[in-house]
């Protein structure tokens, strides 16, 4: 996503509509909406998904689930969910591209 603004801030996803079976397996789905900086953003559609991996003691495991999404505002955002359970937020907005 060229020309995007780097953000890397925690978001609060709306869990309604997320598949609990996939979440239990550690495979989150993109939220239908999320809150960021006091505003609600609706996800119009998921443009693409991918995973990034991490090595730990010679083992490779999924570190983050990524989602590039079109927002109802006309913006495009890149979201990610941390795979491993950690204290603190799990969902983040990595970057956002304003409409042209």
Protein backbone atom coordinates (compact mmCIF):
# COMPACT_ATOMS: atom_id res chain seq x y z
CA UNK A 1 0.00 0.00 0.00
CA UNK A 2 2.09 2.90 -1.25
CA UNK A 3 1.50 6.34 0.22
CA UNK A 4 -0.11 4.96 3.35
CA UNK A 5 0.32 6.55 6.73
CA UNK A 6 2.07 4.38 9.30
CA UNK A 7 -0.07 4.14 12.44
CA UNK A 8 0.63 0.99 14.50
CA UNK A 9 -1.98 1.67 17.19
CA UNK A 10 -4.29 -0.67 19.07
CA UNK A 11 -7.89 -0.98 17.89
CA UNK A 12 -10.97 -2.48 19.49
CA UNK A 13 -12.62 -4.92 17.05
CA UNK A 14 -16.33 -5.62 17.15
CA UNK A 15 -16.59 -9.34 17.71
CA UNK A 16 -20.12 -9.74 16.35
CA UNK A 17 -19.97 -11.86 13.21
CA UNK A 18 -16.53 -13.28 13.96
CA UNK A 19 -16.35 -17.07 13.74
CA UNK A 20 -15.74 -18.41 17.28
CA UNK A 21 -14.52 -21.79 15.97
CA UNK A 22 -11.80 -20.16 13.87
CA UNK A 23 -10.85 -17.86 16.75
CA UNK A 24 -10.52 -20.86 19.09
CA UNK A 25 -8.15 -22.46 16.54
CA UNK A 26 -6.08 -19.27 16.46
CA UNK A 27 -7.29 -18.24 13.00
CA UNK A 28 -9.07 -14.92 13.43
CA UNK A 29 -11.32 -13.43 10.78
CA UNK A 30 -11.34 -9.73 9.96
CA UNK A 31 -13.70 -7.72 12.12
CA UNK A 32 -16.78 -6.21 10.48
CA UNK A 33 -15.99 -2.96 12.30
CA UNK A 34 -13.55 -1.58 14.85
CA UNK A 35 -13.04 1.47 17.05
CA UNK A 36 -9.92 3.58 16.70
CA UNK A 37 -9.20 6.99 18.22
CA UNK A 38 -12.78 7.24 19.44
CA UNK A 39 -14.32 6.62 16.00
CA UNK A 40 -16.07 3.56 14.58
CA UNK A 41 -14.86 2.21 11.23
CA UNK A 42 -16.93 -0.30 9.25
CA UNK A 43 -15.08 -2.80 7.07
CA UNK A 44 -16.69 -2.82 3.62
CA UNK A 45 -14.68 -5.81 2.39
CA UNK A 46 -11.46 -7.74 2.90
CA UNK A 47 -9.08 -7.13 0.00
CA UNK A 48 -6.45 -9.69 1.00
CA UNK A 49 -5.07 -11.67 3.92
CA UNK A 50 -1.68 -13.12 4.80
CA UNK A 51 0.36 -14.35 7.74
CA UNK A 52 3.82 -13.51 9.01
CA UNK A 53 5.93 -16.00 10.90
CA UNK A 54 8.44 -15.99 13.73
CA UNK A 55 11.18 -18.42 14.72
CA UNK A 56 11.47 -19.51 18.33
CA UNK A 57 13.97 -22.18 19.39
CA UNK A 58 14.15 -23.47 15.84
CA UNK A 59 10.37 -23.73 15.44
CA UNK A 60 8.46 -21.56 12.95
CA UNK A 61 5.01 -20.38 14.01
CA UNK A 62 2.44 -17.81 12.92
CA UNK A 63 3.11 -14.50 14.63
CA UNK A 64 0.51 -12.22 13.01
CA UNK A 65 -2.61 -12.52 10.89
CA UNK A 66 -2.85 -9.57 8.47
CA UNK A 67 -5.91 -8.11 6.77
CA UNK A 68 -5.95 -5.41 4.10
CA UNK A 69 -9.47 -3.99 4.21
CA UNK A 70 -11.55 -1.43 2.37
CA UNK A 71 -13.34 0.80 4.86
CA UNK A 72 -16.76 2.37 4.35
CA UNK A 73 -15.01 5.77 4.54
CA UNK A 74 -13.21 5.03 1.26
CA UNK A 75 -9.92 4.46 3.06
CA UNK A 76 -7.85 1.29 2.90
CA UNK A 77 -6.39 -0.07 6.11
CA UNK A 78 -3.97 -2.78 7.09
CA UNK A 79 -4.93 -4.52 10.32
CA UNK A 80 -3.19 -7.30 12.16
CA UNK A 81 -3.99 -9.64 15.01
CA UNK A 82 -1.25 -11.03 17.23
CA UNK A 83 -1.40 -14.83 17.16
CA UNK A 84 -0.03 -15.51 20.61
CA UNK A 85 -2.09 -14.59 23.64
CA UNK A 86 -0.35 -11.71 25.38
CA UNK A 87 -1.31 -9.22 28.00
CA UNK A 88 -2.62 -6.07 26.37
CA UNK A 89 -4.28 -5.55 23.00
CA UNK A 90 -4.25 -8.20 20.26
CA UNK A 91 -5.61 -6.13 17.35
CA UNK A 92 -3.81 -3.21 15.70
CA UNK A 93 -4.14 -0.90 12.73
CA UNK A 94 -0.74 -0.88 11.04
CA UNK A 95 -1.39 1.71 8.34
CA UNK A 96 -4.15 3.60 6.59
CA UNK A 97 -4.39 5.02 3.09
CA UNK A 98 -6.62 8.00 2.49
CA UNK A 99 -8.89 7.92 -0.57
CA UNK A 100 -7.51 9.63 -3.67
